[in-house]
N, C-alpha and C. Protein backbone atom coordinates (compact mmCIF):
# COMPACT_ATOMS: atom_id res chain seq x y z
N UNK A 1 78.22 108.99 120.50
CA UNK A 1 77.74 109.11 119.17
C UNK A 1 76.61 108.17 118.98
N UNK A 2 76.79 107.90 118.36
CA UNK A 2 75.98 107.22 118.01
C UNK A 2 75.86 106.81 117.29
N UNK A 3 75.25 106.70 117.02
CA UNK A 3 74.84 106.28 116.42
C UNK A 3 73.66 105.92 116.41
N UNK A 4 71.21 105.22 115.85
CA UNK A 4 70.75 105.26 114.68
C UNK A 4 69.78 104.32 114.40
N UNK A 5 67.43 104.04 112.07
CA UNK A 5 66.47 102.98 112.02
C UNK A 5 66.29 102.36 110.68
N UNK A 6 65.81 101.17 110.72
CA UNK A 6 65.90 100.44 109.50
C UNK A 6 64.59 99.75 109.19
N UNK A 7 63.95 100.04 108.01
CA UNK A 7 62.69 99.40 107.72
C UNK A 7 62.62 98.89 106.32
N UNK A 8 62.35 97.65 106.26
CA UNK A 8 62.17 96.97 104.99
C UNK A 8 61.53 95.65 105.36
N UNK A 9 60.48 95.73 106.13
CA UNK A 9 59.89 94.55 106.74
C UNK A 9 58.68 94.10 105.95
N UNK A 10 58.59 92.84 105.70
CA UNK A 10 57.46 92.28 104.98
C UNK A 10 56.18 92.44 105.78
N UNK A 11 55.09 92.77 105.10
CA UNK A 11 53.80 92.91 105.78
C UNK A 11 53.40 91.61 106.45
N UNK A 12 53.74 90.48 105.85
CA UNK A 12 53.38 89.19 106.43
C UNK A 12 54.11 88.93 107.74
N UNK A 13 55.22 89.61 107.96
CA UNK A 13 56.01 89.36 109.16
C UNK A 13 55.57 90.21 110.34
N UNK A 14 54.76 91.24 110.12
CA UNK A 14 54.41 92.16 111.18
C UNK A 14 53.75 91.50 112.38
N UNK A 15 52.81 90.55 112.22
CA UNK A 15 52.22 89.93 113.40
C UNK A 15 53.26 89.22 114.27
N UNK A 16 54.29 88.64 113.65
CA UNK A 16 55.33 87.98 114.42
C UNK A 16 56.09 88.99 115.27
N UNK A 17 56.41 90.16 114.71
CA UNK A 17 57.13 91.16 115.46
C UNK A 17 56.27 91.73 116.58
N UNK A 18 54.97 91.81 116.35
CA UNK A 18 54.07 92.35 117.36
C UNK A 18 54.07 91.47 118.61
N UNK A 19 54.35 90.17 118.46
CA UNK A 19 54.35 89.26 119.59
C UNK A 19 55.72 89.15 120.25
N UNK A 20 56.76 89.64 119.59
CA UNK A 20 58.12 89.50 120.10
C UNK A 20 58.44 90.61 121.09
N UNK A 21 59.32 90.31 122.04
CA UNK A 21 59.77 91.32 122.98
C UNK A 21 60.73 92.27 122.27
N UNK A 22 61.05 93.39 122.93
CA UNK A 22 61.96 94.36 122.33
C UNK A 22 63.33 93.73 122.09
N UNK A 23 63.81 92.93 123.04
CA UNK A 23 65.12 92.30 122.89
C UNK A 23 65.11 91.30 121.74
N UNK A 24 64.03 90.53 121.63
CA UNK A 24 63.92 89.58 120.52
C UNK A 24 63.89 90.30 119.18
N UNK A 25 63.15 91.40 119.11
CA UNK A 25 63.10 92.18 117.88
C UNK A 25 64.48 92.72 117.52
N UNK A 26 65.18 93.23 118.54
CA UNK A 26 66.49 93.83 118.28
C UNK A 26 67.50 92.78 117.81
N UNK A 27 67.50 91.60 118.45
CA UNK A 27 68.43 90.54 118.05
C UNK A 27 68.13 90.09 116.63
N UNK A 28 66.85 90.02 116.28
CA UNK A 28 66.47 89.63 114.92
C UNK A 28 66.93 90.66 113.91
N UNK A 29 66.80 91.94 114.27
CA UNK A 29 67.26 93.01 113.39
C UNK A 29 68.77 92.95 113.20
N UNK A 30 69.51 92.75 114.30
CA UNK A 30 70.97 92.70 114.23
C UNK A 30 71.44 91.54 113.36
N UNK A 31 70.75 90.42 113.44
CA UNK A 31 71.14 89.25 112.66
C UNK A 31 70.77 89.38 111.18
N UNK A 32 69.70 90.12 110.90
CA UNK A 32 69.19 90.18 109.54
C UNK A 32 69.60 91.39 108.72
N UNK A 33 70.24 92.37 109.34
CA UNK A 33 70.63 93.58 108.60
C UNK A 33 72.15 93.64 108.48
N UNK A 34 72.64 93.23 107.35
CA UNK A 34 74.09 93.29 107.10
C UNK A 34 74.51 94.69 106.68
N UNK A 35 73.56 95.47 106.18
CA UNK A 35 73.82 96.86 105.81
C UNK A 35 72.50 97.60 105.81
N UNK A 36 72.57 98.92 105.85
CA UNK A 36 71.36 99.75 105.79
C UNK A 36 71.76 101.19 105.54
N UNK A 37 70.78 101.97 105.08
CA UNK A 37 71.00 103.40 104.94
C UNK A 37 69.69 104.11 105.25
N UNK A 38 69.79 105.38 105.68
CA UNK A 38 68.59 106.11 106.02
C UNK A 38 68.91 107.52 106.48
N UNK A 39 67.95 108.12 107.18
CA UNK A 39 68.08 109.49 107.65
C UNK A 39 67.85 109.54 109.16
N UNK A 40 68.31 110.62 109.79
CA UNK A 40 68.13 110.75 111.23
C UNK A 40 67.86 112.19 111.62
N UNK A 41 67.21 112.34 112.77
CA UNK A 41 67.06 113.62 113.46
C UNK A 41 67.62 113.42 114.86
N UNK A 42 68.55 114.24 115.26
CA UNK A 42 69.19 114.13 116.57
C UNK A 42 68.90 115.38 117.39
N UNK A 43 68.44 115.18 118.62
CA UNK A 43 68.13 116.29 119.52
C UNK A 43 68.94 116.17 120.80
N UNK A 44 69.55 117.28 121.21
CA UNK A 44 70.24 117.35 122.48
C UNK A 44 69.28 117.92 123.52
N UNK A 45 69.14 117.23 124.64
CA UNK A 45 68.19 117.64 125.67
C UNK A 45 68.95 117.92 126.98
N UNK A 46 68.66 119.07 127.58
CA UNK A 46 69.25 119.44 128.86
C UNK A 46 68.16 119.90 129.81
N UNK A 47 68.45 119.81 131.11
CA UNK A 47 67.50 120.31 132.10
C UNK A 47 67.71 121.81 132.27
N UNK A 48 66.65 122.58 132.03
CA UNK A 48 66.68 124.03 132.20
C UNK A 48 65.60 124.38 133.23
N UNK A 49 66.04 124.92 134.38
CA UNK A 49 65.11 125.21 135.48
C UNK A 49 64.32 123.97 135.88
N UNK A 50 65.04 122.83 135.85
CA UNK A 50 64.41 121.59 136.29
C UNK A 50 63.54 120.91 135.26
N UNK A 51 63.45 121.47 134.05
CA UNK A 51 62.59 120.90 133.02
C UNK A 51 63.43 120.56 131.78
N UNK A 52 63.13 119.42 131.12
CA UNK A 52 63.88 119.05 129.92
C UNK A 52 63.59 120.01 128.77
N UNK A 53 64.64 120.42 128.08
CA UNK A 53 64.50 121.35 126.97
C UNK A 53 65.43 120.95 125.84
N UNK A 54 64.92 120.95 124.61
CA UNK A 54 65.75 120.66 123.45
C UNK A 54 66.62 121.88 123.16
N UNK A 55 67.94 121.70 123.23
CA UNK A 55 68.85 122.82 123.05
C UNK A 55 69.52 122.82 121.67
N UNK A 56 69.44 121.69 120.97
CA UNK A 56 70.08 121.62 119.66
C UNK A 56 69.44 120.50 118.85
N UNK A 57 69.19 120.78 117.58
CA UNK A 57 68.63 119.76 116.68
C UNK A 57 69.51 119.65 115.44
N UNK A 58 69.89 118.43 115.09
CA UNK A 58 70.70 118.18 113.91
C UNK A 58 70.01 117.14 113.03
N UNK A 59 70.23 117.24 111.73
CA UNK A 59 69.66 116.26 110.81
C UNK A 59 70.73 115.78 109.84
N UNK A 60 70.52 114.60 109.30
CA UNK A 60 71.49 114.08 108.35
C UNK A 60 71.11 112.71 107.86
N UNK A 61 72.10 111.97 107.37
CA UNK A 61 71.85 110.63 106.86
C UNK A 61 73.01 109.71 107.22
N UNK A 62 72.80 108.42 107.02
CA UNK A 62 73.84 107.45 107.37
C UNK A 62 73.76 106.23 106.45
N UNK A 63 74.86 105.49 106.43
CA UNK A 63 74.91 104.20 105.76
C UNK A 63 75.88 103.35 106.56
N UNK A 64 75.58 102.05 106.69
CA UNK A 64 76.51 101.19 107.42
C UNK A 64 76.57 99.81 106.79
N UNK A 65 77.65 99.11 107.08
CA UNK A 65 77.82 97.71 106.69
C UNK A 65 78.51 97.02 107.85
N UNK A 66 77.94 95.92 108.31
CA UNK A 66 78.56 95.18 109.40
C UNK A 66 79.76 94.39 108.89
N UNK A 67 80.78 94.21 109.76
CA UNK A 67 80.88 94.79 111.09
C UNK A 67 81.70 96.08 111.09
N UNK A 68 81.17 97.10 111.72
CA UNK A 68 81.95 98.28 112.07
C UNK A 68 82.29 99.28 110.99
N UNK A 69 81.59 99.27 109.86
CA UNK A 69 81.83 100.27 108.83
C UNK A 69 80.60 101.17 108.72
N UNK A 70 80.82 102.47 108.77
CA UNK A 70 79.67 103.36 108.64
C UNK A 70 80.09 104.76 108.21
N UNK A 71 79.12 105.49 107.68
CA UNK A 71 79.27 106.92 107.36
C UNK A 71 78.06 107.62 107.98
N UNK A 72 78.33 108.50 108.92
CA UNK A 72 77.29 109.23 109.65
C UNK A 72 77.49 110.70 109.31
N UNK A 73 76.56 111.28 108.54
CA UNK A 73 76.75 112.62 108.01
C UNK A 73 75.73 113.61 108.56
N UNK A 74 76.22 114.62 109.25
CA UNK A 74 75.37 115.73 109.68
C UNK A 74 75.28 116.73 108.53
N UNK A 75 74.06 117.12 108.18
CA UNK A 75 73.85 118.09 107.11
C UNK A 75 73.44 119.45 107.63
N UNK A 76 72.63 119.48 108.70
CA UNK A 76 72.19 120.73 109.32
C UNK A 76 72.30 120.59 110.83
N UNK A 77 72.65 121.66 111.55
CA UNK A 77 72.85 123.04 111.09
C UNK A 77 74.21 123.28 110.43
N UNK A 78 75.14 122.33 110.56
CA UNK A 78 76.42 122.46 109.84
C UNK A 78 76.84 121.07 109.39
N UNK A 79 77.73 121.00 108.41
CA UNK A 79 78.11 119.74 107.82
C UNK A 79 79.32 119.13 108.51
N UNK A 80 79.15 117.90 108.93
CA UNK A 80 80.24 117.15 109.55
C UNK A 80 80.03 115.68 109.26
N UNK A 81 81.11 114.95 109.01
CA UNK A 81 81.02 113.53 108.69
C UNK A 81 81.87 112.71 109.64
N UNK A 82 81.28 111.65 110.16
CA UNK A 82 82.02 110.65 110.93
C UNK A 82 82.01 109.38 110.09
N UNK A 83 83.18 108.87 109.77
CA UNK A 83 83.27 107.74 108.85
C UNK A 83 84.35 106.77 109.32
N UNK A 84 84.05 105.48 109.22
CA UNK A 84 85.07 104.49 109.54
C UNK A 84 85.06 103.36 108.53
N UNK A 85 86.25 102.89 108.21
CA UNK A 85 86.41 101.75 107.31
C UNK A 85 86.63 100.47 108.11
N UNK A 86 86.42 100.55 109.42
CA UNK A 86 86.63 99.40 110.30
C UNK A 86 87.96 99.44 111.00
N UNK A 87 88.88 100.28 110.51
CA UNK A 87 90.21 100.40 111.12
C UNK A 87 90.48 101.81 111.60
N UNK A 88 90.08 102.81 110.82
CA UNK A 88 90.31 104.21 111.17
C UNK A 88 88.97 104.93 111.25
N UNK A 89 88.87 105.86 112.20
CA UNK A 89 87.71 106.74 112.30
C UNK A 89 88.12 108.12 111.80
N UNK A 90 87.37 108.64 110.84
CA UNK A 90 87.65 109.95 110.25
C UNK A 90 86.53 110.91 110.64
N UNK A 91 86.90 112.06 111.18
CA UNK A 91 85.93 113.10 111.52
C UNK A 91 86.25 114.32 110.66
N UNK A 92 85.33 114.65 109.77
CA UNK A 92 85.57 115.74 108.82
C UNK A 92 84.61 116.88 109.07
N UNK A 93 85.17 118.05 109.34
CA UNK A 93 84.40 119.28 109.50
C UNK A 93 84.55 120.08 108.21
N UNK A 94 83.44 120.19 107.46
CA UNK A 94 83.51 120.82 106.15
C UNK A 94 83.83 122.30 106.24
N UNK A 95 83.19 123.02 107.17
CA UNK A 95 83.41 124.47 107.28
C UNK A 95 84.87 124.80 107.58
N UNK A 96 85.51 124.00 108.43
CA UNK A 96 86.91 124.23 108.80
C UNK A 96 87.87 123.54 107.84
N UNK A 97 87.33 122.67 106.98
CA UNK A 97 88.14 121.83 106.09
C UNK A 97 89.23 121.13 106.90
N UNK A 98 88.76 120.43 107.93
CA UNK A 98 89.66 119.81 108.89
C UNK A 98 89.28 118.34 109.08
N UNK A 99 90.27 117.46 109.09
CA UNK A 99 90.05 116.02 109.27
C UNK A 99 90.83 115.53 110.48
N UNK A 100 90.14 114.84 111.37
CA UNK A 100 90.78 114.20 112.51
C UNK A 100 90.69 112.69 112.31
N UNK A 101 91.83 111.99 112.48
CA UNK A 101 91.88 110.56 112.26
C UNK A 101 92.25 109.85 113.55
N UNK A 102 91.45 108.85 113.91
CA UNK A 102 91.70 108.05 115.10
C UNK A 102 91.68 106.58 114.74
N UNK A 103 92.45 105.77 115.47
CA UNK A 103 92.38 104.33 115.28
C UNK A 103 91.16 103.80 116.01
N UNK A 104 90.42 102.93 115.34
CA UNK A 104 89.23 102.38 115.95
C UNK A 104 89.59 101.37 117.03
N UNK A 105 90.50 100.45 116.75
CA UNK A 105 90.89 99.43 117.71
C UNK A 105 89.69 98.64 118.19
N UNK A 106 89.64 98.38 119.50
CA UNK A 106 88.51 97.64 120.08
C UNK A 106 87.45 98.58 120.65
N UNK A 107 87.65 99.90 120.45
CA UNK A 107 86.76 100.87 121.07
C UNK A 107 85.33 100.75 120.55
N UNK A 108 85.16 100.39 119.29
CA UNK A 108 83.82 100.35 118.71
C UNK A 108 82.93 99.32 119.38
N UNK A 109 83.51 98.20 119.83
CA UNK A 109 82.71 97.12 120.38
C UNK A 109 81.96 97.52 121.63
N UNK A 110 82.46 98.50 122.37
CA UNK A 110 81.82 98.91 123.62
C UNK A 110 81.25 100.32 123.52
N UNK A 111 81.09 100.83 122.31
CA UNK A 111 80.60 102.19 122.14
C UNK A 111 79.15 102.18 121.68
N UNK A 112 78.45 103.32 121.76
CA UNK A 112 77.08 103.37 121.26
C UNK A 112 76.96 102.95 119.79
N UNK A 113 78.00 103.22 119.00
CA UNK A 113 77.95 102.85 117.58
C UNK A 113 77.81 101.36 117.38
N UNK A 114 78.31 100.56 118.34
CA UNK A 114 78.23 99.11 118.21
C UNK A 114 76.80 98.61 118.24
N UNK A 115 75.91 99.38 118.86
CA UNK A 115 74.52 98.96 118.96
C UNK A 115 73.92 98.75 117.56
N UNK A 116 74.20 99.65 116.64
CA UNK A 116 73.64 99.52 115.30
C UNK A 116 74.64 99.03 114.27
N UNK A 117 75.93 99.32 114.46
CA UNK A 117 76.89 99.07 113.40
C UNK A 117 77.84 97.91 113.67
N UNK A 118 77.81 97.36 114.88
CA UNK A 118 78.77 96.31 115.25
C UNK A 118 78.45 94.98 114.60
N UNK A 119 79.14 93.94 115.08
CA UNK A 119 79.00 92.63 114.48
C UNK A 119 77.81 91.83 114.95
N UNK A 120 76.98 92.41 115.81
CA UNK A 120 75.79 91.71 116.26
C UNK A 120 75.96 90.98 117.58
N UNK A 121 77.17 90.94 118.12
CA UNK A 121 77.42 90.27 119.39
C UNK A 121 77.31 91.29 120.52
N UNK A 122 76.15 91.90 120.62
CA UNK A 122 75.94 93.01 121.53
C UNK A 122 76.14 92.62 122.99
N UNK A 123 75.69 91.42 123.36
CA UNK A 123 75.70 91.03 124.77
C UNK A 123 77.09 90.76 125.34
N UNK A 124 78.11 90.77 124.48
CA UNK A 124 79.48 90.67 124.98
C UNK A 124 79.89 91.96 125.69
N UNK A 125 79.35 93.09 125.24
CA UNK A 125 79.75 94.39 125.79
C UNK A 125 78.63 95.08 126.54
N UNK A 126 77.37 94.65 126.35
CA UNK A 126 76.23 95.32 126.96
C UNK A 126 75.31 94.32 127.67
N UNK A 127 74.70 94.79 128.74
CA UNK A 127 73.63 94.04 129.40
C UNK A 127 72.30 94.58 128.89
N UNK A 128 71.46 93.71 128.37
CA UNK A 128 70.18 94.13 127.80
C UNK A 128 69.05 93.87 128.78
N UNK A 129 68.10 94.82 128.82
CA UNK A 129 66.98 94.73 129.77
C UNK A 129 65.71 95.24 129.10
N UNK A 130 64.61 94.51 129.29
CA UNK A 130 63.32 94.95 128.78
C UNK A 130 62.81 96.14 129.61
N UNK A 131 62.28 97.16 128.92
CA UNK A 131 61.74 98.34 129.59
C UNK A 131 60.22 98.36 129.53
N UNK A 132 59.66 97.88 128.43
CA UNK A 132 58.21 97.89 128.26
C UNK A 132 57.79 98.80 127.12
N UNK A 133 56.49 98.94 126.94
CA UNK A 133 55.95 99.73 125.84
C UNK A 133 55.71 101.17 126.28
N UNK A 134 56.24 102.12 125.52
CA UNK A 134 56.02 103.55 125.76
C UNK A 134 55.74 104.23 124.43
N UNK A 135 54.65 104.96 124.37
CA UNK A 135 54.27 105.73 123.18
C UNK A 135 54.27 104.87 121.92
N UNK A 136 53.78 103.63 122.07
CA UNK A 136 53.64 102.76 120.92
C UNK A 136 54.89 102.03 120.49
N UNK A 137 56.00 102.19 121.25
CA UNK A 137 57.25 101.51 120.92
C UNK A 137 57.60 100.52 122.02
N UNK A 138 58.24 99.41 121.64
CA UNK A 138 58.75 98.45 122.61
C UNK A 138 60.20 98.82 122.91
N UNK A 139 60.50 99.10 124.18
CA UNK A 139 61.81 99.62 124.56
C UNK A 139 62.66 98.59 125.28
N UNK A 140 63.96 98.62 124.98
CA UNK A 140 64.94 97.89 125.75
C UNK A 140 66.04 98.84 126.15
N UNK A 141 66.80 98.46 127.16
CA UNK A 141 67.91 99.28 127.63
C UNK A 141 69.20 98.49 127.49
N UNK A 142 70.24 99.15 126.98
CA UNK A 142 71.57 98.54 126.85
C UNK A 142 72.53 99.30 127.76
N UNK A 143 73.11 98.59 128.73
CA UNK A 143 74.04 99.20 129.68
C UNK A 143 75.42 98.58 129.46
N UNK A 144 76.46 99.41 129.27
CA UNK A 144 77.80 98.86 129.04
C UNK A 144 78.31 98.08 130.26
N UNK A 145 78.92 96.93 130.02
CA UNK A 145 79.42 96.12 131.12
C UNK A 145 80.64 96.75 131.78
N UNK A 146 81.37 97.56 131.03
CA UNK A 146 82.49 98.32 131.58
C UNK A 146 82.09 99.79 131.63
N UNK A 147 82.33 100.44 132.76
CA UNK A 147 81.92 101.84 132.91
C UNK A 147 82.60 102.73 131.89
N UNK A 148 81.83 103.64 131.33
CA UNK A 148 82.33 104.57 130.34
C UNK A 148 81.81 105.95 130.71
N UNK A 149 82.70 106.94 130.92
CA UNK A 149 82.25 108.28 131.30
C UNK A 149 81.44 108.98 130.21
N UNK A 150 81.54 108.49 128.97
CA UNK A 150 80.85 109.14 127.86
C UNK A 150 79.37 108.77 127.78
N UNK A 151 79.00 107.62 128.33
CA UNK A 151 77.58 107.27 128.33
C UNK A 151 77.29 106.22 129.40
N UNK A 152 76.08 106.31 129.95
CA UNK A 152 75.65 105.38 130.99
C UNK A 152 74.78 104.27 130.43
N UNK A 153 73.86 104.63 129.57
CA UNK A 153 73.00 103.61 128.98
C UNK A 153 72.39 104.13 127.68
N UNK A 154 71.86 103.18 126.92
CA UNK A 154 71.20 103.50 125.67
C UNK A 154 69.82 102.86 125.68
N UNK A 155 68.79 103.66 125.49
CA UNK A 155 67.45 103.12 125.32
C UNK A 155 67.15 102.97 123.85
N UNK A 156 66.53 101.85 123.48
CA UNK A 156 66.25 101.57 122.07
C UNK A 156 64.77 101.28 121.92
N UNK A 157 64.09 102.07 121.10
CA UNK A 157 62.67 101.87 120.84
C UNK A 157 62.46 101.08 119.56
N UNK A 158 61.82 99.93 119.68
CA UNK A 158 61.60 99.05 118.53
C UNK A 158 60.15 99.13 118.06
N UNK A 159 59.96 99.04 116.75
CA UNK A 159 58.62 98.99 116.17
C UNK A 159 58.65 98.12 114.93
N UNK A 160 57.82 97.09 114.91
CA UNK A 160 57.74 96.18 113.77
C UNK A 160 59.10 95.60 113.39
N UNK A 161 59.92 95.32 114.41
CA UNK A 161 61.18 94.63 114.16
C UNK A 161 62.37 95.49 113.82
N UNK A 162 62.23 96.82 113.89
CA UNK A 162 63.36 97.70 113.60
C UNK A 162 63.47 98.78 114.69
N UNK A 163 64.69 99.26 114.98
CA UNK A 163 64.84 100.35 115.94
C UNK A 163 64.46 101.68 115.29
N UNK A 164 63.53 102.40 115.89
CA UNK A 164 63.08 103.66 115.31
C UNK A 164 63.43 104.85 116.19
N UNK A 165 63.92 104.60 117.40
CA UNK A 165 64.29 105.69 118.30
C UNK A 165 65.38 105.22 119.24
N UNK A 166 66.31 106.11 119.56
CA UNK A 166 67.36 105.83 120.52
C UNK A 166 67.49 106.98 121.50
N UNK A 167 67.74 106.64 122.75
CA UNK A 167 67.96 107.64 123.80
C UNK A 167 69.30 107.34 124.45
N UNK A 168 70.26 108.26 124.30
CA UNK A 168 71.60 108.07 124.85
C UNK A 168 71.81 109.04 125.99
N UNK A 169 72.18 108.49 127.16
CA UNK A 169 72.41 109.32 128.34
C UNK A 169 73.86 109.17 128.77
N UNK A 170 74.56 110.31 128.94
CA UNK A 170 75.96 110.25 129.34
C UNK A 170 76.11 110.38 130.86
N UNK A 171 77.34 110.32 131.33
CA UNK A 171 77.61 110.36 132.75
C UNK A 171 77.35 111.71 133.39
N UNK A 172 77.06 112.72 132.59
CA UNK A 172 76.80 114.06 133.11
C UNK A 172 75.31 114.40 133.08
N UNK A 173 74.49 113.41 132.76
CA UNK A 173 73.05 113.62 132.75
C UNK A 173 72.51 114.22 131.47
N UNK A 174 73.36 114.40 130.47
CA UNK A 174 72.90 114.94 129.19
C UNK A 174 72.29 113.81 128.35
N UNK A 175 71.29 114.15 127.58
CA UNK A 175 70.56 113.15 126.81
C UNK A 175 70.54 113.53 125.33
N UNK A 176 70.78 112.54 124.47
CA UNK A 176 70.63 112.72 123.03
C UNK A 176 69.51 111.80 122.56
N UNK A 177 68.57 112.37 121.82
CA UNK A 177 67.46 111.60 121.27
C UNK A 177 67.63 111.47 119.77
N UNK A 178 67.53 110.25 119.27
CA UNK A 178 67.67 110.01 117.83
C UNK A 178 66.39 109.39 117.28
N UNK A 179 65.89 109.98 116.19
CA UNK A 179 64.78 109.39 115.46
C UNK A 179 65.31 108.97 114.10
N UNK A 180 65.08 107.70 113.74
CA UNK A 180 65.61 107.15 112.51
C UNK A 180 64.46 106.87 111.54
N UNK A 181 64.65 107.22 110.26
CA UNK A 181 63.55 107.12 109.32
C UNK A 181 64.05 106.87 107.89
N UNK A 182 63.09 106.56 107.01
CA UNK A 182 63.35 106.35 105.58
C UNK A 182 64.52 105.40 105.35
N UNK A 183 64.44 104.24 106.03
CA UNK A 183 65.55 103.30 105.99
C UNK A 183 65.37 102.25 104.91
N UNK A 184 66.47 101.99 104.23
CA UNK A 184 66.52 100.89 103.27
C UNK A 184 67.44 99.83 103.86
N UNK A 185 66.91 98.64 104.06
CA UNK A 185 67.67 97.56 104.67
C UNK A 185 68.38 96.73 103.60
N UNK A 186 69.65 96.41 103.89
CA UNK A 186 70.48 95.60 103.00
C UNK A 186 70.54 96.12 101.56
N UNK A 187 70.84 97.42 101.39
CA UNK A 187 71.02 97.95 100.03
C UNK A 187 72.35 97.46 99.45
N UNK A 188 72.51 97.63 98.16
CA UNK A 188 73.78 97.29 97.52
C UNK A 188 74.84 98.28 98.00
N UNK A 189 75.97 97.77 98.48
CA UNK A 189 77.05 98.61 98.98
C UNK A 189 78.29 98.41 98.12
N UNK A 190 78.87 99.49 97.64
CA UNK A 190 80.11 99.41 96.86
C UNK A 190 81.26 99.01 97.78
N UNK A 191 82.19 98.26 97.26
CA UNK A 191 83.29 97.75 98.07
C UNK A 191 84.18 98.87 98.62
N UNK A 192 84.26 99.99 97.89
CA UNK A 192 85.12 101.10 98.33
C UNK A 192 84.32 102.26 98.94
N UNK A 193 83.05 102.02 99.26
CA UNK A 193 82.19 103.10 99.73
C UNK A 193 82.69 103.72 101.04
N UNK A 194 83.33 102.92 101.88
CA UNK A 194 83.74 103.41 103.20
C UNK A 194 85.20 103.86 103.24
N UNK A 195 85.83 103.90 102.07
CA UNK A 195 87.19 104.41 101.99
C UNK A 195 87.14 105.93 102.01
N UNK A 196 87.74 106.54 103.02
CA UNK A 196 87.69 108.00 103.16
C UNK A 196 88.78 108.65 102.31
N UNK A 197 88.40 109.66 101.56
CA UNK A 197 89.34 110.42 100.74
C UNK A 197 89.46 111.82 101.35
N UNK A 198 90.64 112.18 101.79
CA UNK A 198 90.86 113.49 102.41
C UNK A 198 90.63 114.59 101.39
N UNK A 199 89.75 115.55 101.68
CA UNK A 199 89.49 116.65 100.73
C UNK A 199 90.75 117.47 100.46
N UNK A 200 90.83 118.02 99.28
CA UNK A 200 91.98 118.83 98.89
C UNK A 200 92.18 120.00 99.84
N UNK A 201 93.43 120.17 100.31
CA UNK A 201 93.77 121.31 101.16
C UNK A 201 93.35 121.18 102.60
N UNK A 202 92.77 120.05 103.00
CA UNK A 202 92.28 119.90 104.39
C UNK A 202 93.44 119.75 105.37
N UNK A 203 93.27 120.34 106.54
CA UNK A 203 94.22 120.12 107.64
C UNK A 203 93.93 118.76 108.25
N UNK A 204 94.97 117.96 108.46
CA UNK A 204 94.80 116.61 108.97
C UNK A 204 95.56 116.45 110.29
N UNK A 205 94.87 115.92 111.29
CA UNK A 205 95.51 115.63 112.57
C UNK A 205 95.20 114.20 112.96
N UNK A 206 96.18 113.51 113.58
CA UNK A 206 96.00 112.12 113.99
C UNK A 206 96.09 112.03 115.52
N UNK A 207 95.16 111.29 116.09
CA UNK A 207 95.13 111.12 117.54
C UNK A 207 95.38 109.66 117.90
């Protein structure tokens, strides 16, 4: 999953970010963003006849509060919500009116979601590496210290001190590309915003 960009950067600070490495920018972002909200475009990419091809595009919005609370909502092509209050993960499929509930436990700390939504102690679970500048973005790579069949590494594209692109590659060679936009950093968050309310009549399953 994933998880996701955040912009609310002072114009006076831009020269400082321009001189910082991707890892320095990312650590500064993780330390300075206690919450954020914005929009995303997610693309699934597969090799077709040896060439990369976008096979699926999804759009939606998100909001998060550190550590480990977020709402990730797909709006198109169909509506689905992934939400956690820090203890339980709720997956709601609106068309099926179905809710799946899982315990978060320690899984979040080593998952792609931890990159943007965790407590900021990224290097406990990931090894960070500078990649360099590509297409105007400063890139770093995050590789999980413990092998995970669901993903091999995450590329993070930084611009002016915020992550604006993510590339997630799983163990099967599939790639998800995320573009993050229209971000508000550290917005006011209601105390009960991440409390999930099961919709009326929904089928509920616990894993």
